[in-house]
Protein backbone atom coordinates (compact mmCIF):
# COMPACT_ATOMS: atom_id res chain seq x y z
CA MET A 1 49.65 -90.90 -64.02
CA SER A 2 48.70 -89.51 -60.60
CA VAL A 3 48.13 -85.82 -59.90
CA PRO A 4 50.00 -84.43 -56.87
CA LEU A 5 47.87 -83.52 -53.84
CA ALA A 6 48.77 -79.82 -54.05
CA ASP A 7 47.48 -79.63 -57.64
CA ARG A 8 44.19 -81.30 -56.62
CA VAL A 9 43.69 -78.77 -53.78
CA ILE A 10 44.32 -75.89 -56.18
CA GLN A 11 41.75 -77.35 -58.57
CA LEU A 12 39.18 -77.57 -55.75
CA ALA A 13 39.85 -73.96 -54.72
CA TYR A 14 39.20 -72.56 -58.21
CA ASP A 15 36.84 -69.56 -58.14
CA PRO A 16 34.50 -69.60 -61.16
CA GLY A 17 33.66 -65.89 -60.63
CA ILE A 18 29.87 -66.31 -60.55
CA THR A 19 27.90 -63.65 -58.65
CA PRO A 20 24.18 -62.79 -58.62
CA LYS A 21 23.39 -59.89 -60.94
CA GLY A 22 20.06 -58.33 -61.78
CA GLY A 23 19.04 -57.39 -65.30
CA GLY A 24 20.69 -60.31 -67.06
CA LEU A 25 17.45 -62.00 -68.09
CA PRO A 26 14.16 -60.52 -69.22
CA GLY A 27 11.19 -60.82 -66.91
CA LEU A 28 12.96 -60.18 -63.61
CA ALA A 29 10.52 -57.42 -62.67
CA VAL A 30 7.58 -59.72 -63.47
CA LEU A 31 9.08 -62.52 -61.38
CA LYS A 32 9.58 -60.16 -58.42
CA ASN A 33 5.97 -59.00 -58.78
CA VAL A 34 4.70 -62.59 -58.82
CA VAL A 35 6.72 -63.53 -55.71
CA ASN A 36 5.52 -60.39 -53.90
CA SER A 37 1.94 -61.31 -54.78
CA ILE A 38 2.39 -64.87 -53.53
CA ASN A 39 3.83 -63.54 -50.27
CA MET A 40 0.88 -61.15 -49.85
CA PHE A 41 -1.58 -63.97 -50.60
CA GLY A 42 0.14 -66.08 -47.93
CA ILE A 43 -0.08 -63.28 -45.37
CA ILE A 44 -3.79 -62.78 -46.09
CA ALA A 45 -4.38 -66.54 -45.74
CA VAL A 46 -2.54 -66.50 -42.40
CA VAL A 47 -4.78 -63.70 -41.15
CA GLY A 48 -7.81 -65.84 -42.00
CA ALA A 49 -6.27 -68.91 -40.37
CA LEU A 50 -5.47 -66.93 -37.25
CA ALA A 51 -9.04 -65.59 -37.05
CA VAL A 52 -10.49 -69.08 -37.41
CA SER A 53 -8.06 -70.54 -34.86
CA LEU A 54 -8.84 -67.85 -32.32
CA GLY A 55 -12.56 -68.46 -32.86
CA VAL A 56 -12.12 -72.21 -32.31
CA TRP A 57 -10.04 -71.49 -29.21
CA ALA A 58 -12.72 -69.20 -27.76
CA TRP A 59 -15.54 -71.58 -28.69
CA GLY A 60 -13.73 -74.53 -27.11
CA HIS A 61 -13.03 -72.56 -23.95
CA HIS A 62 -16.59 -71.37 -23.47
CA THR A 63 -18.22 -74.71 -24.28
CA GLY A 64 -15.79 -76.83 -22.27
CA GLY A 65 -14.47 -78.57 -25.35
CA HIS A 66 -10.89 -79.13 -24.31
CA GLN A 67 -9.86 -80.71 -27.63
CA ALA A 68 -11.27 -77.78 -29.61
CA GLU A 69 -9.55 -75.36 -27.27
CA ALA A 70 -6.21 -77.14 -27.70
CA ASN A 71 -6.64 -77.22 -31.49
CA GLY A 72 -7.44 -73.50 -31.50
CA LYS A 73 -4.31 -72.74 -29.49
CA GLN A 74 -2.21 -74.89 -31.79
CA GLY A 75 -3.66 -73.21 -34.87
CA ALA A 76 -2.97 -69.76 -33.43
CA VAL A 77 0.66 -70.64 -32.73
CA VAL A 78 1.12 -72.14 -36.20
CA ALA A 79 -0.48 -69.08 -37.83
CA ALA A 80 1.77 -66.77 -35.81
CA GLY A 81 4.82 -68.77 -36.86
CA ALA A 82 3.73 -68.67 -40.50
CA ALA A 83 3.28 -64.89 -40.28
CA LEU A 84 6.75 -64.59 -38.79
CA GLY A 85 8.23 -66.71 -41.56
CA LEU A 86 6.44 -64.85 -44.35
CA GLY A 87 7.36 -61.46 -42.95
CA ALA A 88 10.99 -62.41 -42.39
CA ALA A 89 11.49 -64.38 -45.63
CA ASN A 90 13.30 -61.58 -47.46
CA GLY A 91 15.56 -60.85 -44.49
CA ILE A 92 16.35 -64.53 -43.92
CA VAL A 93 17.33 -65.04 -47.56
CA ALA A 94 19.37 -61.82 -47.58
CA PHE A 95 21.15 -62.84 -44.37
CA PHE A 96 22.13 -66.29 -45.60
CA SER A 97 23.01 -64.99 -49.06
CA GLY A 98 25.37 -62.46 -47.47
CA LEU A 99 26.76 -65.15 -45.20
CA GLY A 100 27.29 -67.45 -48.19
CA SER A 101 29.11 -64.75 -50.14
CA GLN A 102 31.69 -64.52 -47.34
CA VAL A 103 32.76 -68.16 -47.80
CA HIS A 104 36.05 -68.39 -49.66
């Protein structure tokens, strides 16, 4: 027995009523603390990577080592991008979560 097309579309459009809600499970505060700590660790690591990259860039420039200079520049750009991503992670997730909640 076949199901009419209109009934199949209605079945696909069913809203299960699931929304994110804090406080439903124990340990949410601990999980937030762990993620915040991981983010801070990443930012500190990026500061170190940026310092090393800038040192390699300067060393390559002053010694005439063009490959070292290029690697230092590349490392500085990658570290800057990583810092941007780590700093904007919460905003990016909030933006796309809000955008996703508007889909009906």
